[in-house]
Amino acid sequence: MKSYRSTLAGVALVAVVLLSGCATNVNTYERAESQASPNYISDKRVITDNTLAGTFRVVAINESKVSGNLLKIQATVENLKNNARHLNYKFEWVDADGMSIDSPNETWKGLALQGRESTTISTVSINPRAVDFRLKFRE
């Protein structure tokens, strides 16, 4: 009987340790009144994967110019689930004529987000002809 209780207690202990290891939510603290003044832009969303859209969302996108004439884009991405998830993303650049601009540094990149975590992803165009962008996601 004692062996049974110690085995049961051991199993319960392992279960508690494993379940506590699954708690991956992130608490975030920041200034109550932000001093930043981002240049938020409106975006158009083309959803072809509802499961992906229910897992991650873009909270906001802002833009600025760096080095005088290069477009910089920053997107805030949020994991809508309670567990850690992995996302792949890439930015594509577009010129004033609506033509894609080849950019060797804009390849698929991985991003790991803990449960309910949000983070920013950003990139800078290497071509001053870029006036627009596309941000793509896949799991």
N, C-alpha and C. Protein backbone atom coordinates (compact mmCIF):
# COMPACT_ATOMS: atom_id res chain seq x y z
N MET A 1 0.82 -1.19 0.00
CA MET A 1 0.00 0.00 0.00
C MET A 1 0.87 1.27 0.00
N LYS A 2 1.96 1.23 0.78
CA LYS A 2 2.86 2.38 0.83
C LYS A 2 3.49 2.64 -0.54
N SER A 3 3.84 1.58 -1.25
CA SER A 3 4.42 1.71 -2.58
C SER A 3 3.43 2.35 -3.54
N TYR A 4 2.16 1.99 -3.42
CA TYR A 4 1.13 2.54 -4.28
C TYR A 4 0.99 4.04 -4.04
N ARG A 5 1.00 4.47 -2.75
CA ARG A 5 0.87 5.89 -2.42
C ARG A 5 2.08 6.69 -2.91
N SER A 6 3.27 6.15 -2.75
CA SER A 6 4.45 6.88 -3.20
C SER A 6 4.49 6.97 -4.72
N THR A 7 4.01 5.93 -5.40
CA THR A 7 3.94 5.98 -6.87
C THR A 7 2.92 7.02 -7.30
N LEU A 8 1.75 7.03 -6.65
CA LEU A 8 0.71 8.00 -6.97
C LEU A 8 1.20 9.43 -6.70
N ALA A 9 1.89 9.61 -5.56
CA ALA A 9 2.44 10.93 -5.24
C ALA A 9 3.49 11.36 -6.27
N GLY A 10 4.30 10.43 -6.72
CA GLY A 10 5.31 10.72 -7.75
C GLY A 10 4.67 11.13 -9.06
N VAL A 11 3.61 10.42 -9.46
CA VAL A 11 2.89 10.76 -10.69
C VAL A 11 2.27 12.14 -10.57
N ALA A 12 1.67 12.44 -9.42
CA ALA A 12 1.05 13.75 -9.21
C ALA A 12 2.10 14.86 -9.28
N LEU A 13 3.26 14.63 -8.69
CA LEU A 13 4.33 15.62 -8.73
C LEU A 13 4.80 15.87 -10.15
N VAL A 14 4.98 14.83 -10.93
CA VAL A 14 5.39 14.96 -12.33
C VAL A 14 4.34 15.74 -13.11
N ALA A 15 3.05 15.45 -12.86
CA ALA A 15 1.97 16.15 -13.56
C ALA A 15 1.99 17.64 -13.25
N VAL A 16 2.20 17.99 -11.99
CA VAL A 16 2.24 19.40 -11.60
C VAL A 16 3.42 20.11 -12.28
N VAL A 17 4.57 19.47 -12.29
CA VAL A 17 5.75 20.06 -12.92
C VAL A 17 5.53 20.25 -14.41
N LEU A 18 4.96 19.25 -15.07
CA LEU A 18 4.72 19.36 -16.51
C LEU A 18 3.70 20.43 -16.83
N LEU A 19 2.62 20.49 -16.06
CA LEU A 19 1.59 21.49 -16.32
C LEU A 19 2.09 22.90 -16.04
N SER A 20 2.91 23.07 -15.01
CA SER A 20 3.44 24.40 -14.75
C SER A 20 4.42 24.82 -15.84
N GLY A 21 5.07 23.87 -16.48
CA GLY A 21 5.97 24.17 -17.59
C GLY A 21 5.23 24.62 -18.83
N CYS A 22 3.93 24.34 -18.91
CA CYS A 22 3.12 24.73 -20.06
C CYS A 22 2.60 26.15 -19.94
N ALA A 23 2.70 26.75 -18.79
CA ALA A 23 2.23 28.11 -18.59
C ALA A 23 3.23 29.06 -19.23
N THR A 24 2.91 29.53 -20.44
CA THR A 24 3.86 30.33 -21.18
C THR A 24 3.34 31.74 -21.46
N ASN A 25 2.30 32.16 -20.76
CA ASN A 25 1.80 33.51 -20.98
C ASN A 25 2.84 34.52 -20.51
N VAL A 26 2.80 35.70 -21.07
CA VAL A 26 3.78 36.75 -20.78
C VAL A 26 3.06 37.96 -20.23
N ASN A 27 3.52 38.46 -19.09
CA ASN A 27 3.01 39.72 -18.55
C ASN A 27 3.91 40.84 -19.04
N THR A 28 3.31 41.96 -19.42
CA THR A 28 4.06 43.09 -19.95
C THR A 28 3.69 44.35 -19.17
N TYR A 29 4.68 45.16 -18.87
CA TYR A 29 4.47 46.41 -18.17
C TYR A 29 5.10 47.53 -19.00
N GLU A 30 4.39 48.64 -19.08
CA GLU A 30 4.90 49.77 -19.86
C GLU A 30 4.37 51.07 -19.28
N ARG A 31 4.88 52.18 -19.75
CA ARG A 31 4.46 53.50 -19.29
C ARG A 31 2.96 53.67 -19.52
N ALA A 32 2.25 54.18 -18.52
CA ALA A 32 0.80 54.37 -18.63
C ALA A 32 0.44 55.37 -19.72
N GLU A 33 1.21 56.43 -19.84
CA GLU A 33 0.99 57.43 -20.88
C GLU A 33 2.21 57.45 -21.77
N SER A 34 2.10 56.80 -22.91
CA SER A 34 3.23 56.64 -23.81
C SER A 34 3.75 57.99 -24.29
N GLN A 35 5.06 58.10 -24.40
CA GLN A 35 5.70 59.30 -24.91
C GLN A 35 5.94 59.20 -26.42
N ALA A 36 5.73 58.02 -26.97
CA ALA A 36 5.95 57.79 -28.41
C ALA A 36 4.77 58.33 -29.21
N SER A 37 5.04 58.72 -30.44
CA SER A 37 3.97 59.16 -31.34
C SER A 37 4.16 58.47 -32.70
N PRO A 38 3.79 57.19 -32.76
CA PRO A 38 3.99 56.43 -34.00
C PRO A 38 3.09 56.93 -35.13
N ASN A 39 3.54 56.70 -36.33
CA ASN A 39 2.79 57.04 -37.53
C ASN A 39 2.04 55.79 -37.99
N TYR A 40 0.90 55.51 -37.33
CA TYR A 40 0.12 54.32 -37.68
C TYR A 40 -0.51 54.48 -39.05
N ILE A 41 -0.54 53.39 -39.78
CA ILE A 41 -1.16 53.40 -41.10
C ILE A 41 -2.32 52.42 -41.10
N SER A 42 -3.31 52.68 -41.94
CA SER A 42 -4.41 51.72 -42.09
C SER A 42 -3.92 50.60 -43.00
N ASP A 43 -4.46 49.42 -42.77
CA ASP A 43 -4.01 48.28 -43.57
C ASP A 43 -5.19 47.53 -44.16
N LYS A 44 -4.92 46.79 -45.21
CA LYS A 44 -5.90 45.92 -45.85
C LYS A 44 -5.46 44.49 -45.56
N ARG A 45 -6.42 43.65 -45.13
CA ARG A 45 -6.09 42.27 -44.77
C ARG A 45 -6.74 41.31 -45.75
N VAL A 46 -5.92 40.42 -46.30
CA VAL A 46 -6.40 39.37 -47.19
C VAL A 46 -6.20 38.05 -46.45
N ILE A 47 -7.30 37.49 -45.93
CA ILE A 47 -7.24 36.29 -45.10
C ILE A 47 -7.58 35.08 -45.97
N THR A 48 -6.64 34.16 -46.10
CA THR A 48 -6.88 32.92 -46.84
C THR A 48 -6.81 31.70 -45.91
N ASP A 49 -6.35 31.90 -44.68
CA ASP A 49 -6.25 30.83 -43.69
C ASP A 49 -6.87 31.33 -42.39
N ASN A 50 -8.13 30.94 -42.15
CA ASN A 50 -8.85 31.41 -40.96
C ASN A 50 -8.22 30.88 -39.66
N THR A 51 -7.63 29.70 -39.71
CA THR A 51 -6.97 29.15 -38.52
C THR A 51 -5.79 30.02 -38.14
N LEU A 52 -4.98 30.39 -39.11
CA LEU A 52 -3.84 31.28 -38.86
C LEU A 52 -4.31 32.63 -38.34
N ALA A 53 -5.37 33.17 -38.94
CA ALA A 53 -5.91 34.46 -38.50
C ALA A 53 -6.47 34.39 -37.09
N GLY A 54 -6.91 33.22 -36.64
CA GLY A 54 -7.41 33.04 -35.29
C GLY A 54 -6.30 32.77 -34.28
N THR A 55 -5.08 32.60 -34.77
CA THR A 55 -3.95 32.33 -33.89
C THR A 55 -3.10 33.58 -33.68
N PHE A 56 -2.90 34.35 -34.74
CA PHE A 56 -2.08 35.56 -34.69
C PHE A 56 -2.87 36.71 -35.28
N ARG A 57 -2.60 37.91 -34.77
CA ARG A 57 -3.20 39.09 -35.39
C ARG A 57 -2.20 40.23 -35.40
N VAL A 58 -2.36 41.08 -36.38
CA VAL A 58 -1.57 42.30 -36.45
C VAL A 58 -2.36 43.36 -35.69
N VAL A 59 -1.77 43.88 -34.64
CA VAL A 59 -2.42 44.88 -33.80
C VAL A 59 -2.32 46.25 -34.46
N ALA A 60 -1.14 46.58 -34.97
CA ALA A 60 -0.93 47.89 -35.59
C ALA A 60 0.29 47.82 -36.49
N ILE A 61 0.30 48.73 -37.47
CA ILE A 61 1.46 48.88 -38.35
C ILE A 61 1.80 50.36 -38.38
N ASN A 62 3.07 50.67 -38.20
CA ASN A 62 3.49 52.06 -38.37
C ASN A 62 4.69 52.12 -39.30
N GLU A 63 4.91 53.33 -39.82
CA GLU A 63 6.00 53.51 -40.78
C GLU A 63 6.76 54.79 -40.48
N SER A 64 7.98 54.81 -40.96
CA SER A 64 8.81 56.01 -40.87
C SER A 64 9.82 55.94 -42.00
N LYS A 65 10.57 57.01 -42.16
CA LYS A 65 11.67 57.06 -43.13
C LYS A 65 12.97 57.09 -42.35
N VAL A 66 13.95 56.33 -42.83
CA VAL A 66 15.27 56.33 -42.22
C VAL A 66 16.30 56.65 -43.29
N SER A 67 17.42 57.15 -42.90
CA SER A 67 18.49 57.55 -43.83
C SER A 67 17.96 58.46 -44.92
N GLY A 68 16.94 59.24 -44.59
CA GLY A 68 16.42 60.23 -45.53
C GLY A 68 15.33 59.73 -46.46
N ASN A 69 15.51 58.53 -47.06
CA ASN A 69 14.53 58.13 -48.06
C ASN A 69 14.21 56.63 -48.09
N LEU A 70 14.59 55.89 -47.05
CA LEU A 70 14.28 54.47 -47.02
C LEU A 70 13.08 54.23 -46.11
N LEU A 71 12.14 53.46 -46.60
CA LEU A 71 10.92 53.17 -45.86
C LEU A 71 11.17 52.11 -44.79
N LYS A 72 10.75 52.42 -43.57
CA LYS A 72 10.84 51.45 -42.47
C LYS A 72 9.42 51.12 -42.03
N ILE A 73 9.14 49.82 -41.89
CA ILE A 73 7.84 49.35 -41.47
C ILE A 73 8.00 48.55 -40.19
N GLN A 74 7.10 48.78 -39.24
CA GLN A 74 7.09 48.01 -38.00
C GLN A 74 5.66 47.55 -37.73
N ALA A 75 5.49 46.25 -37.48
CA ALA A 75 4.17 45.70 -37.19
C ALA A 75 4.19 45.09 -35.80
N THR A 76 3.13 45.32 -35.05
CA THR A 76 2.96 44.67 -33.75
C THR A 76 2.09 43.44 -33.98
N VAL A 77 2.63 42.28 -33.59
CA VAL A 77 1.97 41.00 -33.82
C VAL A 77 1.64 40.38 -32.46
N GLU A 78 0.44 39.81 -32.34
CA GLU A 78 0.00 39.21 -31.08
C GLU A 78 -0.39 37.75 -31.28
N ASN A 79 0.06 36.90 -30.36
CA ASN A 79 -0.36 35.50 -30.30
C ASN A 79 -1.69 35.47 -29.54
N LEU A 80 -2.75 35.02 -30.18
CA LEU A 80 -4.07 35.02 -29.56
C LEU A 80 -4.31 33.78 -28.70
N LYS A 81 -3.42 32.85 -28.73
CA LYS A 81 -3.58 31.59 -28.00
C LYS A 81 -2.86 31.65 -26.65
N ASN A 82 -3.18 30.72 -25.76
CA ASN A 82 -2.57 30.67 -24.44
C ASN A 82 -1.25 29.92 -24.41
N ASN A 83 -0.91 29.23 -25.49
CA ASN A 83 0.33 28.47 -25.52
C ASN A 83 1.29 29.07 -26.54
N ALA A 84 2.55 28.72 -26.41
CA ALA A 84 3.58 29.23 -27.32
C ALA A 84 3.30 28.78 -28.73
N ARG A 85 3.52 29.67 -29.68
CA ARG A 85 3.28 29.36 -31.09
C ARG A 85 4.43 29.91 -31.92
N HIS A 86 4.62 29.33 -33.08
CA HIS A 86 5.67 29.75 -34.00
C HIS A 86 5.02 30.28 -35.28
N LEU A 87 5.55 31.36 -35.80
CA LEU A 87 5.02 32.02 -36.99
C LEU A 87 6.17 32.34 -37.93
N ASN A 88 5.94 32.22 -39.21
CA ASN A 88 6.91 32.66 -40.22
C ASN A 88 6.33 33.89 -40.91
N TYR A 89 7.17 34.86 -41.19
CA TYR A 89 6.71 36.08 -41.84
C TYR A 89 7.76 36.56 -42.82
N LYS A 90 7.32 37.40 -43.76
CA LYS A 90 8.25 38.11 -44.63
C LYS A 90 7.59 39.37 -45.15
N PHE A 91 8.43 40.35 -45.40
CA PHE A 91 8.01 41.61 -45.99
C PHE A 91 8.38 41.59 -47.47
N GLU A 92 7.54 42.19 -48.29
CA GLU A 92 7.84 42.40 -49.71
C GLU A 92 7.67 43.88 -49.99
N TRP A 93 8.48 44.41 -50.89
CA TRP A 93 8.46 45.84 -51.21
C TRP A 93 7.84 46.08 -52.58
N VAL A 94 7.17 47.24 -52.72
CA VAL A 94 6.48 47.61 -53.95
C VAL A 94 6.87 49.05 -54.30
N ASP A 95 7.11 49.31 -55.60
CA ASP A 95 7.47 50.67 -56.03
C ASP A 95 6.22 51.47 -56.38
N ALA A 96 6.38 52.73 -56.79
CA ALA A 96 5.26 53.64 -57.07
C ALA A 96 4.40 53.16 -58.23
N ASP A 97 4.94 52.31 -59.11
CA ASP A 97 4.17 51.77 -60.22
C ASP A 97 3.44 50.47 -59.86
N GLY A 98 3.54 50.05 -58.58
CA GLY A 98 2.88 48.83 -58.15
C GLY A 98 3.67 47.57 -58.46
N MET A 99 4.92 47.75 -58.85
CA MET A 99 5.77 46.61 -59.20
C MET A 99 6.55 46.14 -57.98
N SER A 100 6.68 44.81 -57.85
CA SER A 100 7.48 44.25 -56.76
C SER A 100 8.94 44.60 -56.96
N ILE A 101 9.62 44.86 -55.85
CA ILE A 101 11.04 45.16 -55.86
C ILE A 101 11.76 43.97 -55.24
N ASP A 102 12.68 43.40 -56.00
CA ASP A 102 13.46 42.29 -55.45
C ASP A 102 14.32 42.81 -54.31
N SER A 103 14.31 42.04 -53.23
CA SER A 103 15.11 42.41 -52.07
C SER A 103 15.68 41.13 -51.48
N PRO A 104 16.97 40.91 -51.64
CA PRO A 104 17.57 39.65 -51.20
C PRO A 104 17.48 39.40 -49.70
N ASN A 105 17.32 40.44 -48.91
CA ASN A 105 17.26 40.23 -47.46
C ASN A 105 15.85 39.99 -46.93
N GLU A 106 14.86 40.02 -47.80
CA GLU A 106 13.48 39.82 -47.35
C GLU A 106 13.05 38.39 -47.65
N THR A 107 13.46 37.48 -46.80
CA THR A 107 13.10 36.07 -46.91
C THR A 107 12.21 35.71 -45.72
N TRP A 108 11.68 34.48 -45.73
CA TRP A 108 10.86 34.04 -44.60
C TRP A 108 11.72 33.99 -43.34
N LYS A 109 11.19 34.57 -42.27
CA LYS A 109 11.87 34.58 -40.97
C LYS A 109 10.94 33.95 -39.94
N GLY A 110 11.53 33.31 -38.95
CA GLY A 110 10.74 32.68 -37.90
C GLY A 110 10.57 33.59 -36.70
N LEU A 111 9.44 33.41 -36.03
CA LEU A 111 9.15 34.19 -34.83
C LEU A 111 8.44 33.29 -33.84
N ALA A 112 8.96 33.19 -32.63
CA ALA A 112 8.32 32.41 -31.57
C ALA A 112 7.68 33.38 -30.58
N LEU A 113 6.40 33.16 -30.31
CA LEU A 113 5.68 34.00 -29.36
C LEU A 113 5.09 33.12 -28.26
N GLN A 114 5.25 33.54 -27.03
CA GLN A 114 4.64 32.84 -25.91
C GLN A 114 3.14 33.12 -25.91
N GLY A 115 2.40 32.43 -25.07
CA GLY A 115 0.95 32.62 -25.00
C GLY A 115 0.57 34.05 -24.71
N ARG A 116 -0.32 34.60 -25.52
CA ARG A 116 -0.83 35.98 -25.38
C ARG A 116 0.24 37.06 -25.49
N GLU A 117 1.42 36.69 -25.94
CA GLU A 117 2.50 37.67 -26.08
C GLU A 117 2.32 38.49 -27.35
N SER A 118 2.73 39.74 -27.29
CA SER A 118 2.80 40.56 -28.50
C SER A 118 4.23 41.07 -28.62
N THR A 119 4.66 41.27 -29.86
CA THR A 119 5.99 41.77 -30.12
C THR A 119 5.96 42.55 -31.43
N THR A 120 7.05 43.24 -31.72
CA THR A 120 7.11 43.97 -32.97
C THR A 120 8.12 43.30 -33.91
N ILE A 121 7.79 43.36 -35.18
CA ILE A 121 8.71 42.94 -36.23
C ILE A 121 8.89 44.15 -37.14
N SER A 122 10.07 44.31 -37.67
CA SER A 122 10.30 45.49 -38.51
C SER A 122 11.33 45.18 -39.57
N THR A 123 11.34 46.04 -40.56
CA THR A 123 12.30 45.93 -41.64
C THR A 123 12.47 47.30 -42.29
N VAL A 124 13.57 47.45 -42.99
CA VAL A 124 13.86 48.68 -43.73
C VAL A 124 14.13 48.30 -45.17
N SER A 125 13.51 48.99 -46.09
CA SER A 125 13.76 48.76 -47.50
C SER A 125 15.20 49.11 -47.84
N ILE A 126 15.81 48.33 -48.69
CA ILE A 126 17.17 48.68 -49.12
C ILE A 126 17.14 49.48 -50.43
N ASN A 127 15.93 49.72 -50.95
CA ASN A 127 15.77 50.44 -52.20
C ASN A 127 14.93 51.69 -51.98
N PRO A 128 15.43 52.87 -52.30
CA PRO A 128 14.66 54.09 -52.08
C PRO A 128 13.41 54.19 -52.96
N ARG A 129 13.28 53.34 -53.98
CA ARG A 129 12.07 53.35 -54.81
C ARG A 129 10.87 52.73 -54.10
N ALA A 130 11.08 52.02 -52.99
CA ALA A 130 9.97 51.37 -52.27
C ALA A 130 9.06 52.41 -51.64
N VAL A 131 7.78 52.33 -51.98
CA VAL A 131 6.78 53.23 -51.41
C VAL A 131 5.70 52.45 -50.66
N ASP A 132 5.71 51.14 -50.81
CA ASP A 132 4.69 50.32 -50.19
C ASP A 132 5.26 48.95 -49.84
N PHE A 133 4.47 48.14 -49.17
CA PHE A 133 4.95 46.85 -48.69
C PHE A 133 3.80 45.85 -48.62
N ARG A 134 4.15 44.61 -48.48
CA ARG A 134 3.23 43.53 -48.13
C ARG A 134 3.88 42.75 -46.99
N LEU A 135 3.09 42.41 -45.99
CA LEU A 135 3.56 41.56 -44.89
C LEU A 135 2.78 40.26 -44.98
N LYS A 136 3.52 39.14 -45.09
CA LYS A 136 2.89 37.83 -45.25
C LYS A 136 3.22 36.96 -44.05
N PHE A 137 2.23 36.14 -43.67
CA PHE A 137 2.39 35.19 -42.57
C PHE A 137 2.11 33.77 -43.05
N ARG A 138 2.77 32.81 -42.42
CA ARG A 138 2.45 31.39 -42.57
C ARG A 138 2.95 30.69 -41.30
N GLU A 139 2.32 29.55 -41.01
CA GLU A 139 2.78 28.78 -39.84
C GLU A 139 3.79 27.78 -40.24
